[in-house]
Amino acid sequence: MISAWLTQHGFVFFHTLKRLIASPVTSLLSISVMGIALSLPTGVYVLMQNLQNLSGQAIHAPQMSLFLRTDMQSADVQQVEQRLERDVRILGHQFVSKETALQQLQQRSGFANVATSLERNPLPDAFILHLQNEGAESMRQLQAELQGWPEIEYVQFDSVWIERLDALLKLGRFSVLLLATILSIAIIAIMFNTIRLQILTKRDEIEISKLIGATDSFIRRPFLYFGAIQGLAGGATAWMIIAYALSAVNLELVELSNLYGIQLQMQFLILEDGISLLIFSTLLGWLGARLSVANHLWQIEPR
């Protein structure tokens, strides 16, 4: 039973491939249009991923400053340091004693006379934390937690640049989603019309098939394979377009990298995202064919 089912689907699959090869110009034009349409949102997605990686390389790990209470003893400082070391959100930390902070203040232009005239050191001990870049919301949550520690007087953190980066990335993700939705509808419409023309071309063949008792699933199967194969080919074309475009961009970045002495290179679409692109494009082609068959096949009845 399973062998017969596989034989039927295998026959339809290879028969559909022959139909595509039999009309190469039409097939290539349709696949090219689908590939170009799919490459636009995918290209924006890859560009956004590369910009995020480049910004992560250009911007150091976000920092947060902890100012301890002035009455804290060395044992309290050690306890705070141990708690900081156990927090996985903190990549590293640097302790700045009140004496070191006063020396740094004295070395600054304009503050030397002020610092030497002080009767006592008013500066507190402090920790400078190097954090993982997990977004502005996570940073604010960590800031609130640290502010609640009894040993800490004040937590200083500038989250403006992280919020701006998050806002830009959120805008980029929304743009990719919107563009992908619009172009997906366009691809479905293209496949819908392509299958409609296929059905009209094979109207007599469909009528004969119904006369000899062929089921609707048997009749629509070639059209569904036709849509799925074209969708898969369109996804593969989009992948190749993006790969070629990124290769060309990387060639231009070589000279820029040499001028600035830094490594600049656009990363290609990773394998997981590429496979997702092929699956998504195949589903789009299949869906367009399925809608077209459901809309037109019932109108054809033997005369």
Protein backbone atom coordinates (compact mmCIF):
# COMPACT_ATOMS: atom_id res chain seq x y z
CA MET A 1 0.00 0.00 0.00
CA ILE A 2 2.76 2.42 1.00
CA SER A 3 4.83 1.34 -1.99
CA ALA A 4 1.96 2.09 -4.36
CA TRP A 5 1.43 5.51 -2.73
CA LEU A 6 5.11 6.37 -3.10
CA THR A 7 5.09 5.15 -6.69
CA GLN A 8 2.15 7.39 -7.56
CA HIS A 9 3.70 10.47 -5.98
CA GLY A 10 7.08 9.74 -7.51
CA PHE A 11 5.54 9.44 -10.95
CA VAL A 12 3.68 12.74 -10.53
CA PHE A 13 6.79 14.47 -9.21
CA PHE A 14 9.00 13.51 -12.16
CA HIS A 15 6.19 14.14 -14.64
CA THR A 16 5.84 17.67 -13.21
CA LEU A 17 9.59 18.23 -13.57
CA LYS A 18 9.34 17.25 -17.22
CA ARG A 19 6.55 19.78 -17.70
CA LEU A 20 8.71 22.52 -16.19
CA ILE A 21 11.68 21.60 -18.39
CA ALA A 22 9.45 21.40 -21.46
CA SER A 23 8.71 25.15 -21.17
CA PRO A 24 12.04 26.57 -19.94
CA VAL A 25 11.43 30.23 -20.77
CA THR A 26 8.08 30.42 -18.98
CA SER A 27 9.38 28.44 -16.02
CA LEU A 28 12.54 30.54 -15.68
CA LEU A 29 10.58 33.79 -15.84
CA SER A 30 8.15 32.63 -13.16
CA ILE A 31 10.91 31.29 -10.92
CA SER A 32 12.95 34.46 -11.38
CA VAL A 33 10.05 36.67 -10.36
CA MET A 34 9.47 34.57 -7.24
CA GLY A 35 13.19 34.57 -6.43
CA ILE A 36 13.48 38.35 -6.73
CA ALA A 37 10.37 38.86 -4.61
CA LEU A 38 11.67 36.51 -1.90
CA SER A 39 15.17 37.99 -1.97
CA LEU A 40 13.94 41.45 -0.94
CA PRO A 41 12.68 40.65 2.60
CA THR A 42 15.38 38.00 3.05
CA GLY A 43 18.05 40.49 2.00
CA VAL A 44 16.75 43.08 4.48
CA TYR A 45 16.80 40.39 7.19
CA VAL A 46 20.41 39.44 6.40
CA LEU A 47 21.43 43.10 6.28
CA MET A 48 19.82 43.72 9.66
CA GLN A 49 21.64 40.71 11.14
CA ASN A 50 24.95 42.00 9.80
CA LEU A 51 24.33 45.50 11.14
CA GLN A 52 23.54 44.03 14.53
CA ASN A 53 26.79 42.03 14.48
CA LEU A 54 28.81 45.05 13.34
CA SER A 55 27.28 47.24 16.05
CA GLY A 56 28.11 44.59 18.61
CA GLN A 57 31.74 44.66 17.46
CA ALA A 58 31.95 48.43 17.36
CA ILE A 59 30.29 49.09 20.72
CA HIS A 60 31.92 47.81 23.86
CA ALA A 61 29.98 45.83 26.43
CA PRO A 62 27.58 48.12 28.31
CA GLN A 63 28.85 49.34 31.65
CA MET A 64 27.13 50.03 34.94
CA SER A 65 28.62 51.81 37.95
CA LEU A 66 27.81 50.84 41.55
CA PHE A 67 28.55 53.36 44.32
CA LEU A 68 28.69 51.84 47.77
CA ARG A 69 27.64 53.49 50.97
CA THR A 70 30.41 55.48 52.61
CA ASP A 71 30.18 53.51 55.87
CA MET A 72 30.89 50.15 54.21
CA GLN A 73 33.77 48.05 55.57
CA SER A 74 36.15 45.80 53.59
CA ALA A 75 34.10 42.74 54.52
CA ASP A 76 30.99 44.35 53.02
CA VAL A 77 32.93 45.14 49.84
CA GLN A 78 34.06 41.53 49.53
CA GLN A 79 30.49 40.31 50.02
CA VAL A 80 29.26 42.56 47.22
CA GLU A 81 32.08 41.36 44.96
CA GLN A 82 31.21 37.71 45.59
CA ARG A 83 27.58 38.33 44.71
CA LEU A 84 28.60 40.09 41.51
CA GLU A 85 30.81 37.17 40.47
CA ARG A 86 27.87 34.76 40.75
CA ASP A 87 25.63 36.80 38.45
CA VAL A 88 25.82 35.40 34.90
CA ARG A 89 24.60 38.69 33.41
CA ILE A 90 27.85 40.36 34.48
CA LEU A 91 30.81 39.57 32.23
CA GLY A 92 33.35 41.16 34.55
CA HIS A 93 33.83 43.90 37.12
CA GLN A 94 36.45 46.34 38.29
CA PHE A 95 36.73 47.63 41.86
CA VAL A 96 37.64 51.31 42.28
CA SER A 97 38.48 52.22 45.87
CA LYS A 98 37.72 55.63 47.29
CA GLU A 99 41.46 56.38 47.44
CA THR A 100 41.92 55.53 43.77
CA ALA A 101 38.92 57.65 42.83
CA LEU A 102 40.36 60.62 44.74
CA GLN A 103 43.72 60.24 42.99
CA GLN A 104 42.00 60.20 39.60
CA LEU A 105 40.10 63.32 40.58
CA GLN A 106 43.34 65.08 41.55
CA GLN A 107 44.88 64.24 38.18
CA ARG A 108 42.08 65.92 36.27
CA SER A 109 42.64 69.47 35.14
CA GLY A 110 40.82 71.97 37.33
CA PHE A 111 40.17 69.59 40.22
CA ALA A 112 43.67 69.31 41.75
CA ASN A 113 43.28 72.28 44.12
CA VAL A 114 39.77 71.27 45.09
CA ALA A 115 40.80 67.70 45.90
CA THR A 116 43.81 68.74 48.04
CA SER A 117 41.74 71.19 50.07
CA LEU A 118 39.32 68.51 51.25
CA GLU A 119 39.62 67.54 54.91
CA ARG A 120 38.46 63.98 54.19
CA ASN A 121 37.75 61.80 51.21
CA PRO A 122 34.03 62.17 50.36
CA LEU A 123 34.11 59.66 47.51
CA PRO A 124 32.66 56.16 47.97
CA ASP A 125 34.05 52.81 46.90
CA ALA A 126 32.67 51.76 43.54
CA PHE A 127 32.39 48.86 41.13
CA ILE A 128 32.40 49.20 37.34
CA LEU A 129 30.45 46.32 35.80
CA HIS A 130 30.82 45.00 32.24
CA LEU A 131 27.49 43.52 31.20
CA GLN A 132 26.13 41.25 28.53
CA ASN A 133 24.14 43.14 25.92
CA GLU A 134 20.73 41.58 26.49
CA GLY A 135 18.58 44.60 25.74
CA ALA A 136 17.46 47.70 27.58
CA GLU A 137 14.71 45.95 29.54
CA SER A 138 17.11 43.38 30.99
CA MET A 139 19.56 46.15 31.89
CA ARG A 140 16.89 48.15 33.72
CA GLN A 141 15.83 45.02 35.61
CA LEU A 142 19.43 44.41 36.72
CA GLN A 143 19.75 48.05 37.71
CA ALA A 144 16.64 47.81 39.90
CA GLU A 145 17.90 44.61 41.55
CA LEU A 146 21.30 46.10 42.35
CA GLN A 147 19.72 49.27 43.67
CA GLY A 148 17.92 47.15 46.23
CA TRP A 149 21.12 45.79 47.77
CA PRO A 150 21.68 47.32 51.24
CA GLU A 151 25.38 47.98 50.58
CA ILE A 152 24.75 50.04 47.45
CA GLU A 153 23.96 53.74 47.63
CA TYR A 154 23.42 54.46 43.94
CA VAL A 155 23.49 52.63 40.59
CA GLN A 156 24.43 54.66 37.51
CA PHE A 157 23.60 53.33 34.06
CA ASP A 158 23.08 55.08 30.73
CA SER A 159 20.60 52.96 28.78
CA VAL A 160 19.78 55.53 26.08
CA TRP A 161 22.01 54.02 23.39
CA ILE A 162 20.70 50.51 24.12
CA GLU A 163 17.11 51.73 23.85
CA ARG A 164 17.92 53.38 20.52
CA LEU A 165 19.52 50.18 19.22
CA ASP A 166 16.52 48.13 20.37
CA ALA A 167 14.16 50.58 18.67
CA LEU A 168 16.10 50.35 15.39
CA LEU A 169 16.15 46.55 15.52
CA LYS A 170 12.44 46.45 16.32
CA LEU A 171 11.75 48.72 13.33
CA GLY A 172 13.91 46.47 11.14
CA ARG A 173 12.07 43.32 12.25
CA PHE A 174 8.72 44.98 11.60
CA SER A 175 9.88 46.10 8.14
CA VAL A 176 11.00 42.56 7.29
CA LEU A 177 7.67 41.14 8.46
CA LEU A 178 5.63 43.72 6.54
CA LEU A 179 7.66 43.31 3.35
CA ALA A 180 7.56 39.52 3.60
CA THR A 181 3.78 39.55 4.08
CA ILE A 182 3.14 41.82 1.08
CA LEU A 183 5.46 39.90 -1.24
CA SER A 184 4.15 36.54 -0.02
CA ILE A 185 0.65 37.59 -1.05
CA ALA A 186 2.07 38.64 -4.41
CA ILE A 187 3.77 35.24 -4.88
CA ILE A 188 0.56 33.42 -4.00
CA ALA A 189 -1.30 35.56 -6.53
CA ILE A 190 1.30 34.79 -9.22
CA MET A 191 1.09 31.07 -8.55
CA PHE A 192 -2.71 31.27 -8.43
CA ASN A 193 -2.80 32.75 -11.92
CA THR A 194 -0.14 30.34 -13.23
CA ILE A 195 -2.10 27.30 -12.09
CA ARG A 196 -5.30 28.81 -13.45
CA LEU A 197 -3.71 28.97 -16.89
CA GLN A 198 -2.46 25.40 -16.47
CA ILE A 199 -5.96 24.21 -15.64
CA LEU A 200 -7.47 26.02 -18.64
CA THR A 201 -4.79 24.54 -20.91
CA LYS A 202 -5.53 21.01 -19.68
CA ARG A 203 -9.30 21.37 -19.54
CA ASP A 204 -9.95 18.56 -22.02
CA GLU A 205 -7.51 16.26 -20.23
CA ILE A 206 -9.22 16.97 -16.88
CA GLU A 207 -12.67 16.23 -18.38
CA ILE A 208 -11.46 12.89 -19.75
CA SER A 209 -9.88 12.02 -16.41
CA LYS A 210 -13.17 12.68 -14.64
CA LEU A 211 -15.06 10.58 -17.18
CA ILE A 212 -12.91 7.54 -16.46
CA GLY A 213 -13.37 7.97 -12.70
CA ALA A 214 -10.31 9.90 -11.57
CA THR A 215 -10.72 11.46 -8.12
CA ASP A 216 -10.26 15.16 -7.43
CA SER A 217 -7.14 14.45 -5.36
CA PHE A 218 -5.58 12.57 -8.27
CA ILE A 219 -6.36 15.41 -10.69
CA ARG A 220 -5.10 18.22 -8.48
CA ARG A 221 -1.92 16.42 -7.39
CA PRO A 222 0.19 17.45 -10.45
CA PHE A 223 -0.83 21.09 -10.02
CA LEU A 224 0.13 21.07 -6.34
CA TYR A 225 3.51 19.56 -7.19
CA PHE A 226 3.93 22.15 -9.92
CA GLY A 227 3.34 24.99 -7.44
CA ALA A 228 5.54 23.46 -4.74
CA ILE A 229 8.45 22.82 -7.12
CA GLN A 230 8.28 26.33 -8.53
CA GLY A 231 8.15 27.72 -4.99
CA LEU A 232 11.19 25.67 -4.01
CA ALA A 233 13.07 26.85 -7.10
CA GLY A 234 12.09 30.44 -6.30
CA GLY A 235 13.50 30.09 -2.78
CA ALA A 236 16.74 28.63 -4.12
CA THR A 237 16.97 31.52 -6.60
CA ALA A 238 16.49 34.03 -3.79
CA TRP A 239 19.26 32.33 -1.80
CA MET A 240 21.62 32.56 -4.79
CA ILE A 241 20.74 36.23 -5.40
CA ILE A 242 21.54 37.11 -1.79
CA ALA A 243 24.78 35.10 -1.85
CA TYR A 244 25.92 36.84 -5.03
CA ALA A 245 24.98 40.30 -3.69
CA LEU A 246 26.84 39.72 -0.41
CA SER A 247 29.89 38.44 -2.29
CA ALA A 248 29.94 41.62 -4.36
CA VAL A 249 29.57 43.78 -1.24
CA ASN A 250 32.40 41.92 0.52
CA LEU A 251 34.72 42.63 -2.40
CA GLU A 252 34.04 46.34 -2.00
CA LEU A 253 34.52 46.13 1.78
CA VAL A 254 38.07 44.80 1.39
CA GLU A 255 39.44 48.22 0.42
CA LEU A 256 37.45 49.91 3.20
CA SER A 257 38.77 47.40 5.74
CA ASN A 258 42.35 48.09 4.67
CA LEU A 259 41.87 51.86 5.02
CA TYR A 260 40.46 51.69 8.54
CA GLY A 261 42.48 48.69 9.70
CA ILE A 262 39.43 46.76 10.87
CA GLN A 263 37.77 43.57 9.69
CA LEU A 264 34.56 44.33 7.81
CA GLN A 265 32.74 41.44 6.17
CA MET A 266 29.09 40.70 5.55
CA GLN A 267 27.99 37.31 6.85
CA PHE A 268 26.01 35.06 4.50
CA LEU A 269 22.65 33.52 5.20
CA ILE A 270 23.17 30.75 7.73
CA LEU A 271 22.11 27.21 6.87
CA GLU A 272 19.13 27.16 9.23
CA ASP A 273 17.72 30.39 7.79
CA GLY A 274 18.38 29.15 4.24
CA ILE A 275 16.45 25.94 4.86
CA SER A 276 13.62 27.97 6.41
CA LEU A 277 13.57 30.12 3.28
CA LEU A 278 13.26 27.03 1.04
CA ILE A 279 10.47 25.55 3.17
CA PHE A 280 8.61 28.86 3.27
CA SER A 281 8.87 29.41 -0.48
CA THR A 282 7.71 25.83 -1.15
CA LEU A 283 4.67 26.36 1.08
CA LEU A 284 3.86 29.62 -0.72
CA GLY A 285 3.95 27.89 -4.10
CA TRP A 286 1.85 25.00 -2.81
CA LEU A 287 -0.68 27.35 -1.19
CA GLY A 288 -1.11 29.40 -4.37
CA ALA A 289 -1.64 26.21 -6.37
CA ARG A 290 -4.03 24.81 -3.78
CA LEU A 291 -6.19 27.93 -3.79
CA SER A 292 -6.26 28.04 -7.59
CA VAL A 293 -7.19 24.37 -7.92
CA ALA A 294 -9.91 24.69 -5.29
CA ASN A 295 -11.34 27.70 -7.10
CA HIS A 296 -11.25 26.42 -10.70
CA LEU A 297 -11.26 22.63 -10.72
CA TRP A 298 -14.87 22.21 -9.59
CA GLN A 299 -16.02 24.36 -12.53
CA ILE A 300 -14.81 21.71 -15.01
CA GLU A 301 -17.29 18.87 -15.44
CA PRO A 302 -17.54 16.25 -18.20
CA ARG A 303 -19.94 17.22 -20.97
